PDB file of N, CA and C in Angstrom:
ATOM      1  N   MET A   1      55.871 -54.859  11.231  1.00  0.00           N
ATOM      2  CA  MET A   1      54.607 -54.551  10.684  1.00  0.00           C
ATOM      3  C   MET A   1      53.993 -53.406  11.497  1.00  0.00           C
ATOM      4  N   LYS A   2      54.103 -53.426  12.812  1.00  0.00           N
ATOM      5  CA  LYS A   2      53.645 -52.283  13.630  1.00  0.00           C
ATOM      6  C   LYS A   2      54.199 -50.922  13.287  1.00  0.00           C
ATOM      7  N   LYS A   3      55.456 -50.970  12.955  1.00  0.00           N
ATOM      8  CA  LYS A   3      56.271 -49.734  12.597  1.00  0.00           C
ATOM      9  C   LYS A   3      55.785 -49.278  11.251  1.00  0.00           C
ATOM     10  N   LEU A   4      55.490 -50.101  10.241  1.00  0.00           N
ATOM     11  CA  LEU A   4      54.847 -49.567   8.981  1.00  0.00           C
ATOM     12  C   LEU A   4      53.543 -48.970   9.271  1.00  0.00           C
ATOM     13  N   PHE A   5      52.781 -49.692   9.965  1.00  0.00           N
ATOM     14  CA  PHE A   5      51.459 -49.162  10.337  1.00  0.00           C
ATOM     15  C   PHE A   5      51.446 -47.736  11.020  1.00  0.00           C
ATOM     16  N   ALA A   6      52.394 -47.631  11.980  1.00  0.00           N
ATOM     17  CA  ALA A   6      52.541 -46.299  12.680  1.00  0.00           C
ATOM     18  C   ALA A   6      52.931 -45.242  11.682  1.00  0.00           C
ATOM     19  N   VAL A   7      53.855 -45.572  10.781  1.00  0.00           N
ATOM     20  CA  VAL A   7      54.318 -44.625   9.825  1.00  0.00           C
ATOM     21  C   VAL A   7      53.144 -44.244   8.862  1.00  0.00           C
ATOM     22  N   CYS A   8      52.373 -45.197   8.471  1.00  0.00           N
ATOM     23  CA  CYS A   8      51.153 -44.807   7.600  1.00  0.00           C
ATOM     24  C   CYS A   8      50.282 -43.953   8.370  1.00  0.00           C
ATOM     25  N   VAL A   9      49.781 -44.218   9.488  1.00  0.00           N
ATOM     26  CA  VAL A   9      48.984 -43.426  10.373  1.00  0.00           C
ATOM     27  C   VAL A   9      49.580 -41.897  10.547  1.00  0.00           C
ATOM     28  N   LEU A  10      50.798 -41.839  10.781  1.00  0.00           N
ATOM     29  CA  LEU A  10      51.441 -40.512  11.000  1.00  0.00           C
ATOM     30  C   LEU A  10      51.435 -39.730   9.727  1.00  0.00           C
ATOM     31  N   SER A  11      51.667 -40.456   8.484  1.00  0.00           N
ATOM     32  CA  SER A  11      51.580 -39.798   7.289  1.00  0.00           C
ATOM     33  C   SER A  11      50.192 -39.321   7.016  1.00  0.00           C
ATOM     34  N   LEU A  12      49.218 -39.972   7.292  1.00  0.00           N
ATOM     35  CA  LEU A  12      47.839 -39.683   7.019  1.00  0.00           C
ATOM     36  C   LEU A  12      47.436 -38.423   8.015  1.00  0.00           C
ATOM     37  N   ILE A  13      47.925 -38.530   9.182  1.00  0.00           N
ATOM     38  CA  ILE A  13      47.539 -37.247   9.989  1.00  0.00           C
ATOM     39  C   ILE A  13      48.228 -36.120   9.487  1.00  0.00           C
ATOM     40  N   ALA A  14      49.542 -36.138   9.007  1.00  0.00           N
ATOM     41  CA  ALA A  14      50.215 -35.061   8.408  1.00  0.00           C
ATOM     42  C   ALA A  14      49.491 -34.504   7.204  1.00  0.00           C
ATOM     43  N   VAL A  15      49.018 -35.265   6.396  1.00  0.00           N
ATOM     44  CA  VAL A  15      48.391 -34.928   5.157  1.00  0.00           C
ATOM     45  C   VAL A  15      46.981 -34.222   5.490  1.00  0.00           C
ATOM     46  N   ALA A  16      46.298 -34.795   6.422  1.00  0.00           N
ATOM     47  CA  ALA A  16      45.004 -34.226   6.884  1.00  0.00           C
ATOM     48  C   ALA A  16      45.216 -32.846   7.546  1.00  0.00           C
ATOM     49  N   SER A  17      46.283 -32.723   8.348  1.00  0.00           N
ATOM     50  CA  SER A  17      46.583 -31.475   8.943  1.00  0.00           C
ATOM     51  C   SER A  17      46.957 -30.422   7.879  1.00  0.00           C
ATOM     52  N   ALA A  18      47.699 -30.734   6.946  1.00  0.00           N
ATOM     53  CA  ALA A  18      48.091 -29.826   5.914  1.00  0.00           C
ATOM     54  C   ALA A  18      46.842 -29.304   5.123  1.00  0.00           C
ATOM     55  N   LEU A  19      45.985 -30.227   4.892  1.00  0.00           N
ATOM     56  CA  LEU A  19      44.807 -29.936   3.964  1.00  0.00           C
ATOM     57  C   LEU A  19      43.866 -28.965   4.816  1.00  0.00           C
ATOM     58  N   ALA A  20      43.730 -29.293   6.059  1.00  0.00           N
ATOM     59  CA  ALA A  20      42.884 -28.495   7.039  1.00  0.00           C
ATOM     60  C   ALA A  20      43.389 -27.091   7.141  1.00  0.00           C
ATOM     61  N   ASP A  21      44.698 -26.970   7.188  1.00  0.00           N
ATOM     62  CA  ASP A  21      45.287 -25.562   7.345  1.00  0.00           C
ATOM     63  C   ASP A  21      45.374 -24.848   5.940  1.00  0.00           C
ATOM     64  N   SER A  22      45.163 -25.567   4.748  1.00  0.00           N
ATOM     65  CA  SER A  22      45.395 -24.815   3.557  1.00  0.00           C
ATOM     66  C   SER A  22      44.357 -23.669   3.412  1.00  0.00           C
ATOM     67  N   PRO A  23      44.713 -22.510   2.918  1.00  0.00           N
ATOM     68  CA  PRO A  23      43.725 -21.450   2.758  1.00  0.00           C
ATOM     69  C   PRO A  23      42.776 -21.708   1.628  1.00  0.00           C
ATOM     70  N   VAL A  24      41.438 -21.216   1.746  1.00  0.00           N
ATOM     71  CA  VAL A  24      40.522 -21.270   0.702  1.00  0.00           C
ATOM     72  C   VAL A  24      40.891 -20.329  -0.423  1.00  0.00           C
ATOM     73  N   ALA A  25      40.779 -20.796  -1.624  1.00  0.00           N
ATOM     74  CA  ALA A  25      41.198 -20.079  -2.767  1.00  0.00           C
ATOM     75  C   ALA A  25      40.150 -18.924  -2.882  1.00  0.00           C
ATOM     76  N   MET A  26      40.588 -17.839  -3.481  1.00  0.00           N
ATOM     77  CA  MET A  26      39.671 -16.568  -3.726  1.00  0.00           C
ATOM     78  C   MET A  26      38.953 -16.936  -5.001  1.00  0.00           C
ATOM     79  N   SER A  27      37.754 -16.462  -5.048  1.00  0.00           N
ATOM     80  CA  SER A  27      36.893 -16.617  -6.329  1.00  0.00           C
ATOM     81  C   SER A  27      36.678 -15.141  -6.925  1.00  0.00           C
ATOM     82  N   GLU A  28      36.253 -15.193  -8.187  1.00  0.00           N
ATOM     83  CA  GLU A  28      36.104 -13.858  -8.814  1.00  0.00           C
ATOM     84  C   GLU A  28      34.655 -13.737  -9.134  1.00  0.00           C
ATOM     85  N   GLY A  29      34.314 -12.334  -9.144  1.00  0.00           N
ATOM     86  CA  GLY A  29      32.909 -11.978  -9.570  1.00  0.00           C
ATOM     87  C   GLY A  29      32.754 -10.518  -9.604  1.00  0.00           C
ATOM     88  N   GLU A  30      31.491 -10.169  -9.864  1.00  0.00           N
ATOM     89  CA  GLU A  30      31.057  -8.804  -9.825  1.00  0.00           C
ATOM     90  C   GLU A  30      30.235  -8.325  -8.656  1.00  0.00           C
ATOM     91  N   LEU A  31      30.438  -7.272  -7.988  1.00  0.00           N
ATOM     92  CA  LEU A  31      29.628  -6.830  -6.894  1.00  0.00           C
ATOM     93  C   LEU A  31      28.334  -6.182  -7.528  1.00  0.00           C
ATOM     94  N   ARG A  32      27.252  -6.809  -7.277  1.00  0.00           N
ATOM     95  CA  ARG A  32      26.050  -6.253  -7.986  1.00  0.00           C
ATOM     96  C   ARG A  32      25.372  -5.264  -7.016  1.00  0.00           C
ATOM     97  N   ARG A  33      25.258  -5.597  -5.727  1.00  0.00           N
ATOM     98  CA  ARG A  33      24.457  -4.806  -4.771  1.00  0.00           C
ATOM     99  C   ARG A  33      25.038  -4.988  -3.387  1.00  0.00           C
ATOM    100  N   ILE A  34      25.056  -3.997  -2.589  1.00  0.00           N
ATOM    101  CA  ILE A  34      25.338  -3.908  -1.078  1.00  0.00           C
ATOM    102  C   ILE A  34      23.925  -3.542  -0.404  1.00  0.00           C
ATOM    103  N   ASP A  35      23.550  -4.470   0.471  1.00  0.00           N
ATOM    104  CA  ASP A  35      22.291  -4.000   1.147  1.00  0.00           C
ATOM    105  C   ASP A  35      22.501  -2.807   2.106  1.00  0.00           C
ATOM    106  N   GLN A  36      21.393  -2.191   2.384  1.00  0.00           N
ATOM    107  CA  GLN A  36      21.509  -0.839   3.090  1.00  0.00           C
ATOM    108  C   GLN A  36      22.278  -0.973   4.401  1.00  0.00           C
ATOM    109  N   ALA A  37      21.956  -2.085   5.088  1.00  0.00           N
ATOM    110  CA  ALA A  37      22.724  -2.315   6.492  1.00  0.00           C
ATOM    111  C   ALA A  37      24.063  -2.785   6.281  1.00  0.00           C
ATOM    112  N   GLY A  38      24.515  -3.138   5.045  1.00  0.00           N
ATOM    113  CA  GLY A  38      25.908  -3.547   4.962  1.00  0.00           C
ATOM    114  C   GLY A  38      26.126  -4.945   5.441  1.00  0.00           C
ATOM    115  N   GLN A  39      25.124  -5.723   5.508  1.00  0.00           N
ATOM    116  CA  GLN A  39      25.435  -7.122   6.215  1.00  0.00           C
ATOM    117  C   GLN A  39      25.292  -8.187   5.072  1.00  0.00           C
ATOM    118  N   ARG A  40      24.787  -7.799   3.820  1.00  0.00           N
ATOM    119  CA  ARG A  40      24.710  -8.723   2.652  1.00  0.00           C
ATOM    120  C   ARG A  40      25.169  -8.105   1.390  1.00  0.00           C
ATOM    121  N   VAL A  41      25.668  -8.867   0.406  1.00  0.00           N
ATOM    122  CA  VAL A  41      26.038  -8.460  -0.910  1.00  0.00           C
ATOM    123  C   VAL A  41      25.497  -9.437  -1.845  1.00  0.00           C
ATOM    124  N   THR A  42      25.128  -8.867  -2.956  1.00  0.00           N
ATOM    125  CA  THR A  42      24.840  -9.757  -4.093  1.00  0.00           C
ATOM    126  C   THR A  42      25.970  -9.809  -4.989  1.00  0.00           C
ATOM    127  N   LEU A  43      26.483 -11.089  -5.416  1.00  0.00           N
ATOM    128  CA  LEU A  43      27.656 -11.221  -6.309  1.00  0.00           C
ATOM    129  C   LEU A  43      27.191 -12.033  -7.508  1.00  0.00           C
ATOM    130  N   ARG A  44      27.617 -11.643  -8.620  1.00  0.00           N
ATOM    131  CA  ARG A  44      27.577 -12.376  -9.884  1.00  0.00           C
ATOM    132  C   ARG A  44      28.893 -12.971  -9.916  1.00  0.00           C
ATOM    133  N   HIS A  45      29.096 -14.367  -9.737  1.00  0.00           N
ATOM    134  CA  HIS A  45      30.384 -14.935  -9.601  1.00  0.00           C
ATOM    135  C   HIS A  45      30.658 -16.071 -10.626  1.00  0.00           C
ATOM    136  N   GLY A  46      31.915 -16.448 -10.628  1.00  0.00           N
ATOM    137  CA  GLY A  46      32.205 -17.605 -11.430  1.00  0.00           C
ATOM    138  C   GLY A  46      32.164 -18.707 -10.563  1.00  0.00           C
ATOM    139  N   PRO A  47      32.779 -19.834 -10.876  1.00  0.00           N
ATOM    140  CA  PRO A  47      32.775 -21.058 -10.027  1.00  0.00           C
ATOM    141  C   PRO A  47      33.341 -20.804  -8.649  1.00  0.00           C
ATOM    142  N   ILE A  48      32.825 -21.300  -7.625  1.00  0.00           N
ATOM    143  CA  ILE A  48      33.432 -21.368  -6.281  1.00  0.00           C
ATOM    144  C   ILE A  48      33.844 -22.715  -5.884  1.00  0.00           C
ATOM    145  N   ASP A  49      35.092 -22.990  -6.201  1.00  0.00           N
ATOM    146  CA  ASP A  49      35.591 -24.329  -6.194  1.00  0.00           C
ATOM    147  C   ASP A  49      35.365 -25.022  -4.767  1.00  0.00           C
ATOM    148  N   ASN A  50      35.645 -24.312  -3.710  1.00  0.00           N
ATOM    149  CA  ASN A  50      35.649 -25.001  -2.382  1.00  0.00           C
ATOM    150  C   ASN A  50      34.227 -25.299  -1.919  1.00  0.00           C
ATOM    151  N   LEU A  51      33.176 -24.630  -2.585  1.00  0.00           N
ATOM    152  CA  LEU A  51      31.782 -24.964  -2.307  1.00  0.00           C
ATOM    153  C   LEU A  51      31.153 -25.793  -3.404  1.00  0.00           C
ATOM    154  N   LYS A  52      31.994 -26.116  -4.444  1.00  0.00           N
ATOM    155  CA  LYS A  52      31.501 -26.887  -5.672  1.00  0.00           C
ATOM    156  C   LYS A  52      30.256 -26.263  -6.177  1.00  0.00           C
ATOM    157  N   MET A  53      30.346 -24.861  -6.349  1.00  0.00           N
ATOM    158  CA  MET A  53      29.339 -24.093  -6.918  1.00  0.00           C
ATOM    159  C   MET A  53      29.434 -23.476  -8.268  1.00  0.00           C
ATOM    160  N   PRO A  54      28.526 -23.730  -9.101  1.00  0.00           N
ATOM    161  CA  PRO A  54      28.738 -23.129 -10.482  1.00  0.00           C
ATOM    162  C   PRO A  54      28.496 -21.652 -10.566  1.00  0.00           C
ATOM    163  N   PRO A  55      28.830 -21.119 -11.680  1.00  0.00           N
ATOM    164  CA  PRO A  55      28.677 -19.634 -11.844  1.00  0.00           C
ATOM    165  C   PRO A  55      27.180 -19.170 -11.710  1.00  0.00           C
ATOM    166  N   MET A  56      26.858 -18.164 -10.896  1.00  0.00           N
ATOM    167  CA  MET A  56      25.557 -17.635 -10.759  1.00  0.00           C
ATOM    168  C   MET A  56      25.557 -16.304 -10.145  1.00  0.00           C
ATOM    169  N   THR A  57      24.412 -15.787  -9.795  1.00  0.00           N
ATOM    170  CA  THR A  57      24.241 -14.604  -9.098  1.00  0.00           C
ATOM    171  C   THR A  57      23.447 -14.899  -7.901  1.00  0.00           C
ATOM    172  N   MET A  58      23.992 -14.529  -6.738  1.00  0.00           N
ATOM    173  CA  MET A  58      23.291 -14.843  -5.394  1.00  0.00           C
ATOM    174  C   MET A  58      23.624 -13.890  -4.303  1.00  0.00           C
ATOM    175  N   VAL A  59      22.981 -13.915  -3.222  1.00  0.00           N
ATOM    176  CA  VAL A  59      23.143 -13.012  -2.091  1.00  0.00           C
ATOM    177  C   VAL A  59      23.985 -13.862  -1.076  1.00  0.00           C
ATOM    178  N   PHE A  60      24.965 -13.100  -0.544  1.00  0.00           N
ATOM    179  CA  PHE A  60      25.775 -13.728   0.527  1.00  0.00           C
ATOM    180  C   PHE A  60      25.882 -12.818   1.797  1.00  0.00           C
ATOM    181  N   ARG A  61      25.843 -13.463   2.860  1.00  0.00           N
ATOM    182  CA  ARG A  61      25.885 -12.816   4.199  1.00  0.00           C
ATOM    183  C   ARG A  61      27.430 -12.477   4.331  1.00  0.00           C
ATOM    184  N   LEU A  62      27.807 -11.275   4.964  1.00  0.00           N
ATOM    185  CA  LEU A  62      29.109 -10.931   5.212  1.00  0.00           C
ATOM    186  C   LEU A  62      29.562 -11.301   6.498  1.00  0.00           C
ATOM    187  N   ALA A  63      30.763 -11.961   6.724  1.00  0.00           N
ATOM    188  CA  ALA A  63      31.367 -12.186   7.990  1.00  0.00           C
ATOM    189  C   ALA A  63      31.622 -11.003   8.755  1.00  0.00           C
ATOM    190  N   GLU A  64      31.591 -11.036  10.047  1.00  0.00           N
ATOM    191  CA  GLU A  64      31.986  -9.826  10.801  1.00  0.00           C
ATOM    192  C   GLU A  64      33.476  -9.509  10.516  1.00  0.00           C
ATOM    193  N   GLY A  65      33.718  -8.148  10.191  1.00  0.00           N
ATOM    194  CA  GLY A  65      34.993  -7.649   9.960  1.00  0.00           C
ATOM    195  C   GLY A  65      35.388  -7.539   8.440  1.00  0.00           C
ATOM    196  N   VAL A  66      34.400  -7.950   7.573  1.00  0.00           N
ATOM    197  CA  VAL A  66      34.678  -7.769   6.142  1.00  0.00           C
ATOM    198  C   VAL A  66      34.370  -6.379   5.854  1.00  0.00           C
ATOM    199  N   ASP A  67      35.416  -5.660   5.202  1.00  0.00           N
ATOM    200  CA  ASP A  67      35.454  -4.250   4.908  1.00  0.00           C
ATOM    201  C   ASP A  67      34.938  -3.981   3.526  1.00  0.00           C
ATOM    202  N   LEU A  68      33.809  -3.149   3.480  1.00  0.00           N
ATOM    203  CA  LEU A  68      33.298  -2.672   2.274  1.00  0.00           C
ATOM    204  C   LEU A  68      33.711  -1.360   1.798  1.00  0.00           C
ATOM    205  N   GLU A  69      34.629  -0.657   2.532  1.00  0.00           N
ATOM    206  CA  GLU A  69      34.975   0.678   2.121  1.00  0.00           C
ATOM    207  C   GLU A  69      35.782   0.648   0.760  1.00  0.00           C
ATOM    208  N   GLY A  70      35.338   1.521  -0.087  1.00  0.00           N
ATOM    209  CA  GLY A  70      35.939   1.682  -1.392  1.00  0.00           C
ATOM    210  C   GLY A  70      35.255   0.775  -2.477  1.00  0.00           C
ATOM    211  N   LEU A  71      34.331   0.024  -2.094  1.00  0.00           N
ATOM    212  CA  LEU A  71      33.622  -0.941  -2.911  1.00  0.00           C
ATOM    213  C   LEU A  71      32.242  -0.493  -3.354  1.00  0.00           C
ATOM    214  N   ALA A  72      31.890  -0.585  -4.592  1.00  0.00           N
ATOM    215  CA  ALA A  72      30.512  -0.141  -5.099  1.00  0.00           C
ATOM    216  C   ALA A  72      29.932  -1.139  -5.993  1.00  0.00           C
ATOM    217  N   ALA A  73      28.645  -1.045  -6.252  1.00  0.00           N
ATOM    218  CA  ALA A  73      28.109  -1.916  -7.195  1.00  0.00           C
ATOM    219  C   ALA A  73      28.761  -1.770  -8.583  1.00  0.00           C
ATOM    220  N   GLY A  74      28.953  -2.752  -9.354  1.00  0.00           N
ATOM    221  CA  GLY A  74      29.699  -2.777 -10.589  1.00  0.00           C
ATOM    222  C   GLY A  74      31.154  -3.073 -10.489  1.00  0.00           C
ATOM    223  N   ASP A  75      31.755  -3.017  -9.229  1.00  0.00           N
ATOM    224  CA  ASP A  75      33.161  -3.404  -9.130  1.00  0.00           C
ATOM    225  C   ASP A  75      33.390  -4.965  -9.498  1.00  0.00           C
ATOM    226  N   GLN A  76      34.525  -5.208 -10.055  1.00  0.00           N
ATOM    227  CA  GLN A  76      35.077  -6.583 -10.111  1.00  0.00           C
ATOM    228  C   GLN A  76      35.768  -6.806  -8.914  1.00  0.00           C
ATOM    229  N   VAL A  77      35.405  -7.976  -8.163  1.00  0.00           N
ATOM    230  CA  VAL A  77      35.960  -8.337  -6.979  1.00  0.00           C
ATOM    231  C   VAL A  77      36.503  -9.701  -6.900  1.00  0.00           C
ATOM    232  N   ARG A  78      37.376  -9.920  -5.895  1.00  0.00           N
ATOM    233  CA  ARG A  78      37.882 -11.323  -5.482  1.00  0.00           C
ATOM    234  C   ARG A  78      37.476 -11.552  -4.154  1.00  0.00           C
ATOM    235  N   PHE A  79      36.869 -12.762  -3.965  1.00  0.00           N
ATOM    236  CA  PHE A  79      36.294 -13.023  -2.509  1.00  0.00           C
ATOM    237  C   PHE A  79      36.477 -14.467  -2.139  1.00  0.00           C
ATOM    238  N   ARG A  80      36.283 -14.591  -0.801  1.00  0.00           N
ATOM    239  CA  ARG A  80      36.426 -15.972  -0.289  1.00  0.00           C
ATOM    240  C   ARG A  80      34.956 -16.176   0.314  1.00  0.00           C
ATOM    241  N   ALA A  81      34.295 -17.282  -0.125  1.00  0.00           N
ATOM    242  CA  ALA A  81      33.061 -17.676   0.500  1.00  0.00           C
ATOM    243  C   ALA A  81      33.248 -19.050   1.218  1.00  0.00           C
ATOM    244  N   GLU A  82      32.435 -19.218   2.205  1.00  0.00           N
ATOM    245  CA  GLU A  82      32.405 -20.508   2.993  1.00  0.00           C
ATOM    246  C   GLU A  82      31.039 -20.822   3.422  1.00  0.00           C
ATOM    247  N   SER A  83      30.827 -22.090   3.650  1.00  0.00           N
ATOM    248  CA  SER A  83      29.503 -22.521   4.215  1.00  0.00           C
ATOM    249  C   SER A  83      29.609 -22.446   5.763  1.00  0.00           C
ATOM    250  N   GLU A  84      28.636 -21.779   6.382  1.00  0.00           N
ATOM    251  CA  GLU A  84      28.572 -21.620   7.794  1.00  0.00           C
ATOM    252  C   GLU A  84      27.255 -21.784   8.343  1.00  0.00           C
ATOM    253  N   ASP A  85      26.863 -22.821   9.084  1.00  0.00           N
ATOM    254  CA  ASP A  85      25.621 -22.947   9.746  1.00  0.00           C
ATOM    255  C   ASP A  85      24.412 -22.945   8.664  1.00  0.00           C
ATOM    256  N   GLY A  86      24.774 -23.585   7.399  1.00  0.00           N
ATOM    257  CA  GLY A  86      23.717 -23.797   6.524  1.00  0.00           C
ATOM    258  C   GLY A  86      23.481 -22.510   5.600  1.00  0.00           C
ATOM    259  N   SER A  87      24.214 -21.576   5.733  1.00  0.00           N
ATOM    260  CA  SER A  87      24.301 -20.449   4.748  1.00  0.00           C
ATOM    261  C   SER A  87      25.690 -20.051   4.288  1.00  0.00           C
ATOM    262  N   TYR A  88      25.658 -19.428   3.077  1.00  0.00           N
ATOM    263  CA  TYR A  88      27.015 -18.945   2.533  1.00  0.00           C
ATOM    264  C   TYR A  88      27.448 -17.593   3.001  1.00  0.00           C
ATOM    265  N   VAL A  89      28.626 -17.482   3.491  1.00  0.00           N
ATOM    266  CA  VAL A  89      29.259 -16.307   4.008  1.00  0.00           C
ATOM    267  C   VAL A  89      30.526 -15.880   3.281  1.00  0.00           C
ATOM    268  N   VAL A  90      30.606 -14.620   2.965  1.00  0.00           N
ATOM    269  CA  VAL A  90      31.806 -14.045   2.388  1.00  0.00           C
ATOM    270  C   VAL A  90      32.724 -13.753   3.625  1.00  0.00           C
ATOM    271  N   THR A  91      33.846 -14.371   3.637  1.00  0.00           N
ATOM    272  CA  THR A  91      34.779 -14.091   4.691  1.00  0.00           C
ATOM    273  C   THR A  91      35.990 -13.152   4.304  1.00  0.00           C
ATOM    274  N   ALA A  92      36.072 -12.783   3.000  1.00  0.00           N
ATOM    275  CA  ALA A  92      37.121 -11.928   2.472  1.00  0.00           C
ATOM    276  C   ALA A  92      36.560 -11.296   1.332  1.00  0.00           C
ATOM    277  N   LEU A  93      36.682  -9.950   1.042  1.00  0.00           N
ATOM    278  CA  LEU A  93      36.247  -9.339  -0.165  1.00  0.00           C
ATOM    279  C   LEU A  93      37.314  -8.264  -0.508  1.00  0.00           C
ATOM    280  N   GLU A  94      37.655  -8.164  -1.702  1.00  0.00           N
ATOM    281  CA  GLU A  94      38.633  -7.070  -2.174  1.00  0.00           C
ATOM    282  C   GLU A  94      38.423  -6.742  -3.666  1.00  0.00           C
ATOM    283  N   LYS A  95      38.631  -5.581  -3.982  1.00  0.00           N
ATOM    284  CA  LYS A  95      38.521  -5.040  -5.427  1.00  0.00           C
ATOM    285  C   LYS A  95      39.666  -5.703  -6.263  1.00  0.00           C
ATOM    286  N   ALA A  96      39.169  -6.350  -7.355  1.00  0.00           N
ATOM    287  CA  ALA A  96      40.115  -7.061  -8.232  1.00  0.00           C
ATOM    288  C   ALA A  96      40.929  -5.931  -8.940  1.00  0.00           C
ATOM    289  N   GLU A  97      42.224  -6.363  -9.269  1.00  0.00           N
ATOM    290  CA  GLU A  97      43.122  -5.468  -9.896  1.00  0.00           C
ATOM    291  C   GLU A  97      43.048  -5.670 -11.436  1.00  0.00           C
TER     292      GLU A  97
END
């Protein structure tokens, strides 16, 4: 019985670890605006599954290191957004192909 319990616990730890390490899927949208300081973007986006967010238009803060070079308002983009300290942050942003 103890051996079965230990196997179950180890299996749960392995599954939890795999889920924690899995990358957040990219979402799709349109870049509507880049603020003058380059610290925020307005995106009209489809569903953001990892945030359980429906399609809408909203402003996101940019994480440090997100490169806006080559991007302009009107571009179709793919992005990764996450919740950090009570606000939504874009952690990756690229032009859609």
